[in-house]
């Protein structure tokens, strides 16, 4: 079984941040790295990043709390 840290693109925080900033989703990142979505989600969580399509990430267009 491979882990998130077995993939160089997921291990390097700066490279991963560049891909996230480019607008890639979790699914697109997993296809690009050749791993599962769970590996990508774990890597993002470990590096303190959030990507489009990640579970538990609130979309910006949803306004909660009357702001």
C-alpha atoms as a PDB file:
ATOM      1  CA  UNK A   1       0.000   0.000   0.000  1.00  0.00           C
ATOM      2  CA  UNK A   2       1.361   3.419  -0.932  1.00  0.00           C
ATOM      3  CA  UNK A   3       1.099   6.401   1.355  1.00  0.00           C
ATOM      4  CA  UNK A   4       0.864  10.118   0.546  1.00  0.00           C
ATOM      5  CA  UNK A   5       4.541  10.626   1.347  1.00  0.00           C
ATOM      6  CA  UNK A   6       5.519   8.066  -1.334  1.00  0.00           C
ATOM      7  CA  UNK A   7       4.571  10.591  -4.038  1.00  0.00           C
ATOM      8  CA  UNK A   8       7.108  13.404  -4.643  1.00  0.00           C
ATOM      9  CA  UNK A   9       4.446  15.866  -5.856  1.00  0.00           C
ATOM     10  CA  UNK A  10       2.537  15.456  -2.584  1.00  0.00           C
ATOM     11  CA  UNK A  11       5.586  15.490  -0.333  1.00  0.00           C
ATOM     12  CA  UNK A  12       6.897  18.842  -1.587  1.00  0.00           C
ATOM     13  CA  UNK A  13       4.675  21.542  -0.022  1.00  0.00           C
ATOM     14  CA  UNK A  14       5.724  24.328  -2.396  1.00  0.00           C
ATOM     15  CA  UNK A  15       5.011  22.212  -5.495  1.00  0.00           C
ATOM     16  CA  UNK A  16       1.646  21.126  -4.079  1.00  0.00           C
ATOM     17  CA  UNK A  17       0.734  24.727  -3.192  1.00  0.00           C
ATOM     18  CA  UNK A  18       1.540  25.835  -6.756  1.00  0.00           C
ATOM     19  CA  UNK A  19      -0.795  23.167  -8.140  1.00  0.00           C
ATOM     20  CA  UNK A  20      -3.575  24.109  -5.696  1.00  0.00           C
ATOM     21  CA  UNK A  21      -3.135  27.815  -6.504  1.00  0.00           C
ATOM     22  CA  UNK A  22      -3.413  26.932 -10.197  1.00  0.00           C
ATOM     23  CA  UNK A  23      -6.949  25.718  -9.422  1.00  0.00           C
ATOM     24  CA  UNK A  24      -6.505  21.944  -9.616  1.00  0.00           C
ATOM     25  CA  UNK A  25      -9.101  19.913  -7.745  1.00  0.00           C
ATOM     26  CA  UNK A  26      -8.407  16.946  -5.476  1.00  0.00           C
ATOM     27  CA  UNK A  27      -9.427  14.610  -8.286  1.00  0.00           C
ATOM     28  CA  UNK A  28      -7.142  16.320 -10.801  1.00  0.00           C
ATOM     29  CA  UNK A  29      -4.254  16.242  -8.329  1.00  0.00           C
ATOM     30  CA  UNK A  30      -4.767  12.523  -7.709  1.00  0.00           C
ATOM     31  CA  UNK A  31      -4.775  11.758 -11.433  1.00  0.00           C
ATOM     32  CA  UNK A  32      -1.666  13.868 -11.957  1.00  0.00           C
ATOM     33  CA  UNK A  33       0.238  12.215  -9.088  1.00  0.00           C
ATOM     34  CA  UNK A  34      -1.066   8.725  -9.878  1.00  0.00           C
ATOM     35  CA  UNK A  35      -2.501   8.116  -6.430  1.00  0.00           C
ATOM     36  CA  UNK A  36      -5.851   7.992  -4.649  1.00  0.00           C
ATOM     37  CA  UNK A  37      -7.950  10.984  -3.630  1.00  0.00           C
ATOM     38  CA  UNK A  38      -7.387  10.010   0.000  1.00  0.00           C
ATOM     39  CA  UNK A  39      -3.607  10.380  -0.438  1.00  0.00           C
ATOM     40  CA  UNK A  40      -4.107  13.878  -1.847  1.00  0.00           C
ATOM     41  CA  UNK A  41      -6.534  14.862   0.913  1.00  0.00           C
ATOM     42  CA  UNK A  42      -4.121  13.603   3.573  1.00  0.00           C
ATOM     43  CA  UNK A  43      -1.197  15.500   2.012  1.00  0.00           C
ATOM     44  CA  UNK A  44      -3.254  18.696   1.825  1.00  0.00           C
ATOM     45  CA  UNK A  45      -4.274  18.320   5.460  1.00  0.00           C
ATOM     46  CA  UNK A  46      -0.693  17.648   6.590  1.00  0.00           C
ATOM     47  CA  UNK A  47       0.575  20.709   4.708  1.00  0.00           C
ATOM     48  CA  UNK A  48      -2.302  22.917   5.903  1.00  0.00           C
ATOM     49  CA  UNK A  49      -3.688  23.470   2.400  1.00  0.00           C
ATOM     50  CA  UNK A  50      -7.175  23.231   0.919  1.00  0.00           C
ATOM     51  CA  UNK A  51      -8.114  22.443  -2.670  1.00  0.00           C
ATOM     52  CA  UNK A  52     -11.221  22.678  -4.788  1.00  0.00           C
ATOM     53  CA  UNK A  53     -13.457  19.646  -4.254  1.00  0.00           C
ATOM     54  CA  UNK A  54     -11.993  18.694  -0.896  1.00  0.00           C
ATOM     55  CA  UNK A  55     -14.410  17.300   1.645  1.00  0.00           C
ATOM     56  CA  UNK A  56     -15.055  19.534   4.610  1.00  0.00           C
ATOM     57  CA  UNK A  57     -14.025  22.704   2.804  1.00  0.00           C
ATOM     58  CA  UNK A  58     -16.796  25.290   2.672  1.00  0.00           C
ATOM     59  CA  UNK A  59     -17.237  26.814  -0.788  1.00  0.00           C
ATOM     60  CA  UNK A  60     -16.684  30.576  -0.807  1.00  0.00           C
ATOM     61  CA  UNK A  61     -20.062  31.323  -2.370  1.00  0.00           C
ATOM     62  CA  UNK A  62     -22.012  29.931   0.596  1.00  0.00           C
ATOM     63  CA  UNK A  63     -22.813  32.670   3.074  1.00  0.00           C
ATOM     64  CA  UNK A  64     -23.566  31.321   6.526  1.00  0.00           C
ATOM     65  CA  UNK A  65     -24.382  33.330   9.596  1.00  0.00           C
ATOM     66  CA  UNK A  66     -25.788  36.422   7.880  1.00  0.00           C
ATOM     67  CA  UNK A  67     -22.436  37.929   6.964  1.00  0.00           C
END
